[in-house]
Amino acid sequence: MCPLLEAHVNTCYKHFYYFVTEFDLINSKELEPLVEMTAKVCKDSISPTQNTAPSSNQGR
């Protein structure tokens, strides 16, 4: 796969993951098959099996 295309797809997935975890749109159990990929793509994220992702509203 082209490195630029791979980076774009990874960024899209990262935004998708942060969005669905921030607003609790998908049960964490449904994300379990993607744990390895999520760990690689979202290195600065918390564990995908936890219910919430870090919020950009912290400290407000």
PDB file of N, CA and C in Angstrom:
ATOM      1  N   MET A   1       0.855  -1.177   0.000  1.00  0.00           N
ATOM      2  CA  MET A   1       0.000   0.000   0.000  1.00  0.00           C
ATOM      3  C   MET A   1       0.901   1.239   0.000  1.00  0.00           C
ATOM      4  N   CYS A   2       0.479   2.234  -0.712  1.00  0.00           N
ATOM      5  CA  CYS A   2       1.210   3.503  -0.775  1.00  0.00           C
ATOM      6  C   CYS A   2       1.280   4.120   0.629  1.00  0.00           C
ATOM      7  N   PRO A   3       2.467   4.566   1.068  1.00  0.00           N
ATOM      8  CA  PRO A   3       2.583   5.142   2.423  1.00  0.00           C
ATOM      9  C   PRO A   3       1.645   6.322   2.670  1.00  0.00           C
ATOM     10  N   LEU A   4       1.433   7.162   1.666  1.00  0.00           N
ATOM     11  CA  LEU A   4       0.530   8.301   1.857  1.00  0.00           C
ATOM     12  C   LEU A   4      -0.910   7.843   2.019  1.00  0.00           C
ATOM     13  N   LEU A   5      -1.296   6.841   1.258  1.00  0.00           N
ATOM     14  CA  LEU A   5      -2.649   6.306   1.363  1.00  0.00           C
ATOM     15  C   LEU A   5      -2.849   5.644   2.723  1.00  0.00           C
ATOM     16  N   GLU A   6      -1.854   4.900   3.163  1.00  0.00           N
ATOM     17  CA  GLU A   6      -1.938   4.247   4.472  1.00  0.00           C
ATOM     18  C   GLU A   6      -2.055   5.279   5.594  1.00  0.00           C
ATOM     19  N   ALA A   7      -1.292   6.347   5.510  1.00  0.00           N
ATOM     20  CA  ALA A   7      -1.362   7.402   6.525  1.00  0.00           C
ATOM     21  C   ALA A   7      -2.739   8.057   6.531  1.00  0.00           C
ATOM     22  N   HIS A   8      -3.307   8.270   5.356  1.00  0.00           N
ATOM     23  CA  HIS A   8      -4.638   8.879   5.264  1.00  0.00           C
ATOM     24  C   HIS A   8      -5.701   7.971   5.880  1.00  0.00           C
ATOM     25  N   VAL A   9      -5.648   6.680   5.561  1.00  0.00           N
ATOM     26  CA  VAL A   9      -6.614   5.724   6.115  1.00  0.00           C
ATOM     27  C   VAL A   9      -6.459   5.636   7.632  1.00  0.00           C
ATOM     28  N   ASN A  10      -5.233   5.627   8.118  1.00  0.00           N
ATOM     29  CA  ASN A  10      -5.001   5.579   9.563  1.00  0.00           C
ATOM     30  C   ASN A  10      -5.562   6.819  10.253  1.00  0.00           C
ATOM     31  N   THR A  11      -5.385   7.980   9.639  1.00  0.00           N
ATOM     32  CA  THR A  11      -5.920   9.215  10.209  1.00  0.00           C
ATOM     33  C   THR A  11      -7.440   9.190  10.230  1.00  0.00           C
ATOM     34  N   CYS A  12      -8.043   8.690   9.156  1.00  0.00           N
ATOM     35  CA  CYS A  12      -9.511   8.570   9.114  1.00  0.00           C
ATOM     36  C   CYS A  12     -10.007   7.646  10.223  1.00  0.00           C
ATOM     37  N   TYR A  13      -9.330   6.510  10.395  1.00  0.00           N
ATOM     38  CA  TYR A  13      -9.737   5.578  11.450  1.00  0.00           C
ATOM     39  C   TYR A  13      -9.560   6.210  12.825  1.00  0.00           C
ATOM     40  N   LYS A  14      -8.467   6.921  13.022  1.00  0.00           N
ATOM     41  CA  LYS A  14      -8.200   7.556  14.314  1.00  0.00           C
ATOM     42  C   LYS A  14      -9.302   8.557  14.656  1.00  0.00           C
ATOM     43  N   HIS A  15      -9.697   9.372  13.698  1.00  0.00           N
ATOM     44  CA  HIS A  15     -10.782  10.332  13.928  1.00  0.00           C
ATOM     45  C   HIS A  15     -12.097   9.611  14.201  1.00  0.00           C
ATOM     46  N   PHE A  16     -12.364   8.558  13.445  1.00  0.00           N
ATOM     47  CA  PHE A  16     -13.563   7.755  13.671  1.00  0.00           C
ATOM     48  C   PHE A  16     -13.566   7.194  15.087  1.00  0.00           C
ATOM     49  N   TYR A  17     -12.448   6.598  15.502  1.00  0.00           N
ATOM     50  CA  TYR A  17     -12.352   5.981  16.824  1.00  0.00           C
ATOM     51  C   TYR A  17     -12.559   7.014  17.934  1.00  0.00           C
ATOM     52  N   TYR A  18     -11.867   8.148  17.825  1.00  0.00           N
ATOM     53  CA  TYR A  18     -12.021   9.188  18.847  1.00  0.00           C
ATOM     54  C   TYR A  18     -13.459   9.695  18.915  1.00  0.00           C
ATOM     55  N   PHE A  19     -14.090   9.864  17.766  1.00  0.00           N
ATOM     56  CA  PHE A  19     -15.461  10.373  17.729  1.00  0.00           C
ATOM     57  C   PHE A  19     -16.433   9.394  18.372  1.00  0.00           C
ATOM     58  N   VAL A  20     -16.378   8.119  17.976  1.00  0.00           N
ATOM     59  CA  VAL A  20     -17.348   7.154  18.509  1.00  0.00           C
ATOM     60  C   VAL A  20     -17.115   6.858  19.982  1.00  0.00           C
ATOM     61  N   THR A  21     -15.872   6.956  20.451  1.00  0.00           N
ATOM     62  CA  THR A  21     -15.638   6.728  21.877  1.00  0.00           C
ATOM     63  C   THR A  21     -15.979   7.965  22.702  1.00  0.00           C
ATOM     64  N   GLU A  22     -15.744   9.149  22.154  1.00  0.00           N
ATOM     65  CA  GLU A  22     -16.072  10.383  22.871  1.00  0.00           C
ATOM     66  C   GLU A  22     -17.569  10.479  23.139  1.00  0.00           C
ATOM     67  N   PHE A  23     -18.377  10.119  22.161  1.00  0.00           N
ATOM     68  CA  PHE A  23     -19.826  10.245  22.286  1.00  0.00           C
ATOM     69  C   PHE A  23     -20.510   8.913  22.581  1.00  0.00           C
ATOM     70  N   ASP A  24     -19.715   7.895  22.911  1.00  0.00           N
ATOM     71  CA  ASP A  24     -20.228   6.576  23.299  1.00  0.00           C
ATOM     72  C   ASP A  24     -21.245   6.048  22.284  1.00  0.00           C
ATOM     73  N   LEU A  25     -20.866   6.086  21.008  1.00  0.00           N
ATOM     74  CA  LEU A  25     -21.758   5.666  19.932  1.00  0.00           C
ATOM     75  C   LEU A  25     -21.689   4.171  19.645  1.00  0.00           C
ATOM     76  N   ILE A  26     -20.569   3.552  19.992  1.00  0.00           N
ATOM     77  CA  ILE A  26     -20.387   2.120  19.759  1.00  0.00           C
ATOM     78  C   ILE A  26     -19.960   1.479  21.071  1.00  0.00           C
ATOM     79  N   ASN A  27     -20.591   0.383  21.408  1.00  0.00           N
ATOM     80  CA  ASN A  27     -20.243  -0.369  22.604  1.00  0.00           C
ATOM     81  C   ASN A  27     -18.785  -0.813  22.500  1.00  0.00           C
ATOM     82  N   SER A  28     -18.035  -0.698  23.577  1.00  0.00           N
ATOM     83  CA  SER A  28     -16.619  -1.072  23.562  1.00  0.00           C
ATOM     84  C   SER A  28     -16.417  -2.533  23.183  1.00  0.00           C
ATOM     85  N   LYS A  29     -17.401  -3.362  23.471  1.00  0.00           N
ATOM     86  CA  LYS A  29     -17.315  -4.776  23.095  1.00  0.00           C
ATOM     87  C   LYS A  29     -17.266  -4.933  21.572  1.00  0.00           C
ATOM     88  N   GLU A  30     -17.935  -4.033  20.856  1.00  0.00           N
ATOM     89  CA  GLU A  30     -17.939  -4.075  19.398  1.00  0.00           C
ATOM     90  C   GLU A  30     -16.579  -3.683  18.812  1.00  0.00           C
ATOM     91  N   LEU A  31     -15.774  -2.970  19.573  1.00  0.00           N
ATOM     92  CA  LEU A  31     -14.461  -2.537  19.100  1.00  0.00           C
ATOM     93  C   LEU A  31     -13.350  -3.530  19.432  1.00  0.00           C
ATOM     94  N   GLU A  32     -13.661  -4.575  20.172  1.00  0.00           N
ATOM     95  CA  GLU A  32     -12.635  -5.535  20.593  1.00  0.00           C
ATOM     96  C   GLU A  32     -11.860  -6.164  19.433  1.00  0.00           C
ATOM     97  N   PRO A  33     -12.483  -6.513  18.301  1.00  0.00           N
ATOM     98  CA  PRO A  33     -11.694  -7.089  17.201  1.00  0.00           C
ATOM     99  C   PRO A  33     -10.658  -6.122  16.620  1.00  0.00           C
ATOM    100  N   LEU A  34     -10.801  -4.850  16.906  1.00  0.00           N
ATOM    101  CA  LEU A  34      -9.902  -3.835  16.362  1.00  0.00           C
ATOM    102  C   LEU A  34      -8.852  -3.367  17.364  1.00  0.00           C
ATOM    103  N   VAL A  35      -8.700  -4.078  18.466  1.00  0.00           N
ATOM    104  CA  VAL A  35      -7.798  -3.646  19.545  1.00  0.00           C
ATOM    105  C   VAL A  35      -6.367  -3.471  19.051  1.00  0.00           C
ATOM    106  N   GLU A  36      -5.848  -4.425  18.301  1.00  0.00           N
ATOM    107  CA  GLU A  36      -4.457  -4.334  17.846  1.00  0.00           C
ATOM    108  C   GLU A  36      -4.255  -3.156  16.902  1.00  0.00           C
ATOM    109  N   MET A  37      -5.161  -3.005  15.939  1.00  0.00           N
ATOM    110  CA  MET A  37      -5.038  -1.896  14.999  1.00  0.00           C
ATOM    111  C   MET A  37      -5.181  -0.558  15.718  1.00  0.00           C
ATOM    112  N   THR A  38      -6.123  -0.482  16.646  1.00  0.00           N
ATOM    113  CA  THR A  38      -6.343   0.755  17.388  1.00  0.00           C
ATOM    114  C   THR A  38      -5.109   1.110  18.206  1.00  0.00           C
ATOM    115  N   ALA A  39      -4.474   0.121  18.811  1.00  0.00           N
ATOM    116  CA  ALA A  39      -3.268   0.373  19.601  1.00  0.00           C
ATOM    117  C   ALA A  39      -2.147   0.933  18.730  1.00  0.00           C
ATOM    118  N   LYS A  40      -2.033   0.444  17.495  1.00  0.00           N
ATOM    119  CA  LYS A  40      -0.990   0.940  16.593  1.00  0.00           C
ATOM    120  C   LYS A  40      -1.304   2.337  16.074  1.00  0.00           C
ATOM    121  N   VAL A  41      -2.554   2.563  15.713  1.00  0.00           N
ATOM    122  CA  VAL A  41      -2.941   3.829  15.092  1.00  0.00           C
ATOM    123  C   VAL A  41      -3.110   4.933  16.125  1.00  0.00           C
ATOM    124  N   CYS A  42      -3.669   4.601  17.272  1.00  0.00           N
ATOM    125  CA  CYS A  42      -3.973   5.598  18.309  1.00  0.00           C
ATOM    126  C   CYS A  42      -3.012   5.436  19.471  1.00  0.00           C
ATOM    127  N   LYS A  43      -1.738   5.574  19.226  1.00  0.00           N
ATOM    128  CA  LYS A  43      -0.717   5.357  20.255  1.00  0.00           C
ATOM    129  C   LYS A  43      -0.888   6.270  21.455  1.00  0.00           C
ATOM    130  N   ASP A  44      -1.392   7.487  21.239  1.00  0.00           N
ATOM    131  CA  ASP A  44      -1.567   8.434  22.337  1.00  0.00           C
ATOM    132  C   ASP A  44      -2.918   8.284  23.013  1.00  0.00           C
ATOM    133  N   SER A  45      -3.687   7.285  22.603  1.00  0.00           N
ATOM    134  CA  SER A  45      -5.035   7.050  23.132  1.00  0.00           C
ATOM    135  C   SER A  45      -4.986   6.133  24.343  1.00  0.00           C
ATOM    136  N   ILE A  46      -6.112   6.075  25.055  1.00  0.00           N
ATOM    137  CA  ILE A  46      -6.268   5.100  26.121  1.00  0.00           C
ATOM    138  C   ILE A  46      -6.642   3.770  25.503  1.00  0.00           C
ATOM    139  N   SER A  47      -6.730   2.752  26.302  1.00  0.00           N
ATOM    140  CA  SER A  47      -7.097   1.422  25.835  1.00  0.00           C
ATOM    141  C   SER A  47      -8.467   1.440  25.172  1.00  0.00           C
ATOM    142  N   PRO A  48      -8.629   0.782  24.014  1.00  0.00           N
ATOM    143  CA  PRO A  48      -9.918   0.787  23.329  1.00  0.00           C
ATOM    144  C   PRO A  48     -11.020   0.049  24.064  1.00  0.00           C
ATOM    145  N   THR A  49     -10.693  -0.694  25.100  1.00  0.00           N
ATOM    146  CA  THR A  49     -11.734  -1.402  25.842  1.00  0.00           C
ATOM    147  C   THR A  49     -12.331  -0.544  26.942  1.00  0.00           C
ATOM    148  N   GLN A  50     -11.760   0.651  27.171  1.00  0.00           N
ATOM    149  CA  GLN A  50     -12.342   1.557  28.152  1.00  0.00           C
ATOM    150  C   GLN A  50     -13.492   2.308  27.511  1.00  0.00           C
ATOM    151  N   ASN A  51     -14.396   2.819  28.326  1.00  0.00           N
ATOM    152  CA  ASN A  51     -15.626   3.401  27.809  1.00  0.00           C
ATOM    153  C   ASN A  51     -15.479   4.789  27.223  1.00  0.00           C
ATOM    154  N   THR A  52     -14.504   5.574  27.667  1.00  0.00           N
ATOM    155  CA  THR A  52     -14.404   6.938  27.168  1.00  0.00           C
ATOM    156  C   THR A  52     -12.996   7.232  26.703  1.00  0.00           C
ATOM    157  N   ALA A  53     -12.901   8.133  25.754  1.00  0.00           N
ATOM    158  CA  ALA A  53     -11.614   8.597  25.256  1.00  0.00           C
ATOM    159  C   ALA A  53     -11.298   9.927  25.924  1.00  0.00           C
ATOM    160  N   PRO A  54     -10.038  10.346  25.874  1.00  0.00           N
ATOM    161  CA  PRO A  54      -9.696  11.638  26.454  1.00  0.00           C
ATOM    162  C   PRO A  54     -10.505  12.745  25.782  1.00  0.00           C
ATOM    163  N   SER A  55     -11.001  13.639  26.561  1.00  0.00           N
ATOM    164  CA  SER A  55     -11.835  14.714  26.036  1.00  0.00           C
ATOM    165  C   SER A  55     -11.003  15.959  25.809  1.00  0.00           C
ATOM    166  N   SER A  56     -11.321  16.682  24.751  1.00  0.00           N
ATOM    167  CA  SER A  56     -10.633  17.946  24.504  1.00  0.00           C
ATOM    168  C   SER A  56     -11.173  19.042  25.408  1.00  0.00           C
ATOM    169  N   ASN A  57     -12.225  18.740  26.175  1.00  0.00           N
ATOM    170  CA  ASN A  57     -12.837  19.718  27.069  1.00  0.00           C
ATOM    171  C   ASN A  57     -12.297  19.641  28.490  1.00  0.00           C
ATOM    172  N   GLN A  58     -11.254  18.873  28.716  1.00  0.00           N
ATOM    173  CA  GLN A  58     -10.726  18.736  30.064  1.00  0.00           C
ATOM    174  C   GLN A  58     -10.155  20.069  30.524  1.00  0.00           C
ATOM    175  N   GLY A  59     -10.413  20.394  31.766  1.00  0.00           N
ATOM    176  CA  GLY A  59      -9.892  21.610  32.349  1.00  0.00           C
ATOM    177  C   GLY A  59     -10.764  22.825  32.105  1.00  0.00           C
ATOM    178  N   ARG A  60     -11.940  22.626  31.557  1.00  0.00           N
ATOM    179  CA  ARG A  60     -12.851  23.756  31.323  1.00  0.00           C
ATOM    180  C   ARG A  60     -13.948  23.764  32.324  1.00  0.00           C
TER     181      ARG A  60
END
